[in-house]
Amino acid sequence: MATLTIDLPEGVLSALYQSPDEAKKDVRLAIAIEWYRRGAISQGQAAEIARLTRADFIDELAVRKIDVIQVNLEELKREIGLS
C-alpha cells in the first residue's frame, strides 16, 4: 500500500479540535468520498481507503447526500439495451 504524507500549517488541528488520529480519519474519508464522487474509484476501493466497511461508507455518502450509485448516461443505455 502506498503512503501519502500531508503537511498542515501550525494550529490547524487545534483549530479543528482534533487529534492527529482524528484528522487522519477525516482526511481519509474526505479523499475517498471525493474520488468516488468523481468516478475515479469504486465503492469498495473508497471504503478501503476510508477504512470502513462498504455499508458504513454508503452510510457516510447518504449523510452527505452524495449519490450512492454512480451511473453515467452511456452506461445506463448499455444496461437497458439501447446502445
C-alpha atoms as a PDB file:
ATOM      1  CA  MET A   1       0.000   0.000   0.000  1.00  0.00           C
ATOM      2  CA  ALA A   2       1.279   3.483  -0.861  1.00  0.00           C
ATOM      3  CA  THR A   3       1.787   6.131   1.809  1.00  0.00           C
ATOM      4  CA  LEU A   4       0.872   9.789   1.459  1.00  0.00           C
ATOM      5  CA  THR A   5       2.144  12.464   3.841  1.00  0.00           C
ATOM      6  CA  ILE A   6       0.409  15.815   4.235  1.00  0.00           C
ATOM      7  CA  ASP A   7       1.948  18.814   5.975  1.00  0.00           C
ATOM      8  CA  LEU A   8      -0.565  21.018   7.771  1.00  0.00           C
ATOM      9  CA  PRO A   9       0.000  24.577   8.915  1.00  0.00           C
ATOM     10  CA  GLU A  10       0.631  25.049  12.618  1.00  0.00           C
ATOM     11  CA  GLY A  11      -2.546  25.338  14.627  1.00  0.00           C
ATOM     12  CA  VAL A  12      -4.888  23.629  12.155  1.00  0.00           C
ATOM     13  CA  LEU A  13      -5.535  20.602  14.349  1.00  0.00           C
ATOM     14  CA  SER A  14      -6.113  22.689  17.449  1.00  0.00           C
ATOM     15  CA  ALA A  15      -8.463  24.979  15.487  1.00  0.00           C
ATOM     16  CA  LEU A  16     -10.406  21.876  14.433  1.00  0.00           C
ATOM     17  CA  TYR A  17     -10.256  20.468  17.971  1.00  0.00           C
ATOM     18  CA  GLN A  18      -8.861  17.244  16.559  1.00  0.00           C
ATOM     19  CA  SER A  19      -6.048  14.910  17.406  1.00  0.00           C
ATOM     20  CA  PRO A  20      -3.758  13.795  14.592  1.00  0.00           C
ATOM     21  CA  ASP A  21      -5.580  10.428  14.517  1.00  0.00           C
ATOM     22  CA  GLU A  22      -8.995  12.113  14.225  1.00  0.00           C
ATOM     23  CA  ALA A  23      -7.728  14.353  11.431  1.00  0.00           C
ATOM     24  CA  LYS A  24      -6.229  11.364   9.625  1.00  0.00           C
ATOM     25  CA  LYS A  25      -9.600   9.607   9.751  1.00  0.00           C
ATOM     26  CA  ASP A  26     -11.407  12.696   8.420  1.00  0.00           C
ATOM     27  CA  VAL A  27      -8.900  13.192   5.601  1.00  0.00           C
ATOM     28  CA  ARG A  28      -9.062   9.516   4.572  1.00  0.00           C
ATOM     29  CA  LEU A  29     -12.859   9.715   4.405  1.00  0.00           C
ATOM     30  CA  ALA A  30     -12.862  13.038   2.549  1.00  0.00           C
ATOM     31  CA  ILE A  31     -10.421  11.758  -0.072  1.00  0.00           C
ATOM     32  CA  ALA A  32     -12.337   8.508  -0.502  1.00  0.00           C
ATOM     33  CA  ILE A  33     -15.643  10.338  -0.915  1.00  0.00           C
ATOM     34  CA  GLU A  34     -14.245  12.862  -3.389  1.00  0.00           C
ATOM     35  CA  TRP A  35     -12.523  10.262  -5.571  1.00  0.00           C
ATOM     36  CA  TYR A  36     -15.672   8.111  -5.500  1.00  0.00           C
ATOM     37  CA  ARG A  37     -17.866  11.130  -6.348  1.00  0.00           C
ATOM     38  CA  ARG A  38     -15.646  11.845  -9.376  1.00  0.00           C
ATOM     39  CA  GLY A  39     -15.976   8.239 -10.503  1.00  0.00           C
ATOM     40  CA  ALA A  40     -12.244   7.645 -10.181  1.00  0.00           C
ATOM     41  CA  ILE A  41     -12.608   4.707  -7.769  1.00  0.00           C
ATOM     42  CA  SER A  42     -15.252   2.127  -6.849  1.00  0.00           C
ATOM     43  CA  GLN A  43     -17.262   1.990  -3.633  1.00  0.00           C
ATOM     44  CA  GLY A  44     -15.150  -0.908  -2.474  1.00  0.00           C
ATOM     45  CA  GLN A  45     -11.917   0.970  -3.100  1.00  0.00           C
ATOM     46  CA  ALA A  46     -13.290   4.071  -1.397  1.00  0.00           C
ATOM     47  CA  ALA A  47     -14.381   2.066   1.632  1.00  0.00           C
ATOM     48  CA  GLU A  48     -10.920   0.526   1.826  1.00  0.00           C
ATOM     49  CA  ILE A  49      -9.240   3.957   1.676  1.00  0.00           C
ATOM     50  CA  ALA A  50     -11.589   5.263   4.371  1.00  0.00           C
ATOM     51  CA  ARG A  51     -11.000   2.074   6.385  1.00  0.00           C
ATOM     52  CA  LEU A  52     -14.736   1.468   6.635  1.00  0.00           C
ATOM     53  CA  THR A  53     -16.986  -1.384   5.670  1.00  0.00           C
ATOM     54  CA  ARG A  54     -18.755  -0.818   2.390  1.00  0.00           C
ATOM     55  CA  ALA A  55     -22.068  -0.437   4.268  1.00  0.00           C
ATOM     56  CA  ASP A  56     -20.569   2.214   6.553  1.00  0.00           C
ATOM     57  CA  PHE A  57     -19.105   4.035   3.546  1.00  0.00           C
ATOM     58  CA  ILE A  58     -22.541   4.062   1.889  1.00  0.00           C
ATOM     59  CA  ASP A  59     -23.982   5.475   5.114  1.00  0.00           C
ATOM     60  CA  GLU A  60     -21.369   8.255   5.008  1.00  0.00           C
ATOM     61  CA  LEU A  61     -22.375   9.038   1.412  1.00  0.00           C
ATOM     62  CA  ALA A  62     -26.029   9.226   2.442  1.00  0.00           C
ATOM     63  CA  VAL A  63     -25.252  11.581   5.342  1.00  0.00           C
ATOM     64  CA  ARG A  64     -23.554  13.899   2.833  1.00  0.00           C
ATOM     65  CA  LYS A  65     -26.351  13.476   0.253  1.00  0.00           C
ATOM     66  CA  ILE A  66     -23.961  12.020  -2.331  1.00  0.00           C
ATOM     67  CA  ASP A  67     -25.408   9.559  -4.850  1.00  0.00           C
ATOM     68  CA  VAL A  68     -24.668   6.020  -3.783  1.00  0.00           C
ATOM     69  CA  ILE A  69     -24.955   4.687  -7.327  1.00  0.00           C
ATOM     70  CA  GLN A  70     -22.750   6.310  -9.935  1.00  0.00           C
ATOM     71  CA  VAL A  71     -24.013   5.635 -13.463  1.00  0.00           C
ATOM     72  CA  ASN A  72     -23.479   7.823 -16.495  1.00  0.00           C
ATOM     73  CA  LEU A  73     -25.880   8.016 -19.437  1.00  0.00           C
ATOM     74  CA  GLU A  74     -23.836   5.717 -21.703  1.00  0.00           C
ATOM     75  CA  GLU A  75     -23.618   3.026 -19.014  1.00  0.00           C
ATOM     76  CA  LEU A  76     -27.358   3.272 -18.435  1.00  0.00           C
ATOM     77  CA  LYS A  77     -28.086   2.911 -22.158  1.00  0.00           C
ATOM     78  CA  ARG A  78     -25.902  -0.209 -22.299  1.00  0.00           C
ATOM     79  CA  GLU A  79     -27.626  -1.676 -19.235  1.00  0.00           C
ATOM     80  CA  ILE A  80     -31.099  -1.301 -20.741  1.00  0.00           C
ATOM     81  CA  GLY A  81     -30.017  -2.370 -24.233  1.00  0.00           C
ATOM     82  CA  LEU A  82     -30.295   0.964 -26.082  1.00  0.00           C
ATOM     83  CA  SER A  83     -26.781   1.038 -27.490  1.00  0.00           C
END
